Amino acid sequence: MVIYGIKTCDTCRKAVKALDGAELRDIRVDPLSPQERAEFIGTFGAALINRSSATWRALSEEDRALPEAELLERHPTVMKRPVIRSGDALHLGWSKDVQAALLP
């Protein structure tokens, strides 16, 4: 299981702690590949962009208008976190629904 996020994110840390054996991939250190960005956008669409984040609020109008893939490439921390890969399934966030799906 891979958790895509950042190591300083409290929600990502909670997910790592709860999911035994999960590996945290810090997207600032190891950015998403173009294929991963396309897969995540294809799965989650606009929900992948965290429009209430500090990163989003700091963006210029020009950057906010970028296509999602380019926006994530330039500003990886605008991604809603965590994205969790469990086998072939992808999950977004650490809501009760995601926890119910992933925890025993």
Protein backbone atom coordinates (compact mmCIF):
# COMPACT_ATOMS: atom_id res chain seq x y z
CA MET A 1 0.00 0.00 0.00
CA VAL A 2 1.33 3.42 -0.94
CA ILE A 3 0.20 6.70 0.59
CA TYR A 4 0.90 9.72 -1.62
CA GLY A 5 1.19 12.91 0.41
CA ILE A 6 3.72 14.94 2.33
CA LYS A 7 5.51 13.93 5.51
CA THR A 8 4.47 17.08 7.38
CA CYS A 9 0.74 16.56 6.73
CA ASP A 10 -1.11 15.47 9.88
CA THR A 11 -3.75 13.59 7.90
CA CYS A 12 -1.07 11.65 6.00
CA ARG A 13 0.64 10.79 9.28
CA LYS A 14 -2.65 9.50 10.72
CA ALA A 15 -3.17 7.29 7.66
CA VAL A 16 0.39 5.90 7.83
CA LYS A 17 0.00 5.13 11.52
CA ALA A 18 -3.35 3.38 11.03
CA LEU A 19 -2.36 1.36 7.95
CA ASP A 20 0.26 -1.19 8.98
CA GLY A 21 3.00 -1.57 6.40
CA ALA A 22 1.90 1.43 4.33
CA GLU A 23 4.68 3.39 2.69
CA LEU A 24 4.46 7.20 2.59
CA ARG A 25 5.68 8.70 -0.65
CA ASP A 26 6.43 12.39 -0.13
CA ILE A 27 5.34 14.04 -3.37
CA ARG A 28 7.61 17.02 -2.73
CA VAL A 29 10.70 14.77 -2.62
CA ASP A 30 9.49 12.23 -5.21
CA PRO A 31 6.96 14.04 -7.47
CA LEU A 32 4.17 12.26 -9.29
CA SER A 33 5.02 11.03 -12.75
CA PRO A 34 2.95 12.25 -15.71
CA GLN A 35 1.26 8.82 -15.78
CA GLU A 36 0.38 9.00 -12.07
CA ARG A 37 -1.01 12.51 -12.44
CA ALA A 38 -3.15 11.36 -15.38
CA GLU A 39 -4.36 8.30 -13.45
CA PHE A 40 -5.26 10.34 -10.34
CA ILE A 41 -7.04 13.02 -12.39
CA GLY A 42 -8.87 10.32 -14.36
CA THR A 43 -10.03 8.72 -11.11
CA PHE A 44 -10.85 11.77 -8.98
CA GLY A 45 -11.23 14.66 -11.45
CA ALA A 46 -11.46 18.13 -9.93
CA ALA A 47 -11.77 16.66 -6.40
CA LEU A 48 -8.02 15.97 -6.54
CA ILE A 49 -7.31 19.71 -6.25
CA ASN A 50 -7.60 21.03 -2.68
CA ARG A 51 -9.14 24.44 -3.26
CA SER A 52 -9.20 25.24 0.47
CA SER A 53 -5.47 24.72 1.00
CA ALA A 54 -2.91 27.39 1.81
CA THR A 55 -1.12 26.45 -1.42
CA TRP A 56 -4.27 27.14 -3.49
CA ARG A 57 -4.91 30.47 -1.74
CA ALA A 58 -1.35 31.58 -2.50
CA LEU A 59 -1.62 30.82 -6.23
CA SER A 60 -2.03 33.53 -8.83
CA GLU A 61 -5.16 33.58 -10.96
CA GLU A 62 -2.96 32.50 -13.86
CA ASP A 63 -1.80 29.38 -11.99
CA ARG A 64 -5.34 28.57 -10.79
CA ALA A 65 -6.46 28.50 -14.43
CA LEU A 66 -3.87 25.87 -15.42
CA PRO A 67 -5.04 22.39 -16.45
CA GLU A 68 -5.03 20.07 -13.42
CA ALA A 69 -2.05 18.00 -14.61
CA GLU A 70 0.12 21.09 -15.11
CA LEU A 71 -1.05 22.61 -11.83
CA LEU A 72 -0.03 19.44 -9.95
CA GLU A 73 3.31 19.35 -11.74
CA ARG A 74 4.13 22.94 -10.74
CA HIS A 75 2.51 22.88 -7.28
CA PRO A 76 2.33 19.28 -5.99
CA THR A 77 1.08 20.30 -2.54
CA VAL A 78 -2.19 21.58 -4.02
CA MET A 79 -3.20 17.90 -4.26
CA LYS A 80 -5.81 16.78 -1.74
CA ARG A 81 -4.09 14.36 0.61
CA PRO A 82 -3.62 11.55 1.02
CA VAL A 83 -4.14 9.54 -2.12
CA ILE A 84 -3.90 5.90 -1.09
CA ARG A 85 -3.14 3.08 -3.52
CA SER A 86 -4.33 -0.27 -2.23
CA GLY A 87 -3.80 -2.90 -4.91
CA ASP A 88 -5.59 -1.61 -8.00
CA ALA A 89 -7.86 0.74 -6.02
CA LEU A 90 -7.25 4.42 -5.36
CA HIS A 91 -8.75 6.31 -2.41
CA LEU A 92 -8.77 10.07 -1.82
CA GLY A 93 -8.53 11.58 1.65
CA TRP A 94 -8.84 9.93 5.05
CA SER A 95 -12.59 10.12 5.58
CA LYS A 96 -14.66 7.58 7.53
CA ASP A 97 -15.55 5.90 4.20
CA VAL A 98 -11.89 5.49 3.22
CA GLN A 99 -11.03 4.20 6.69
CA ALA A 100 -13.90 1.69 6.54
CA ALA A 101 -12.67 0.44 3.17
CA LEU A 102 -9.05 0.04 4.26
CA LEU A 103 -9.04 -0.84 7.94
CA PRO A 104 -9.80 -4.37 9.18
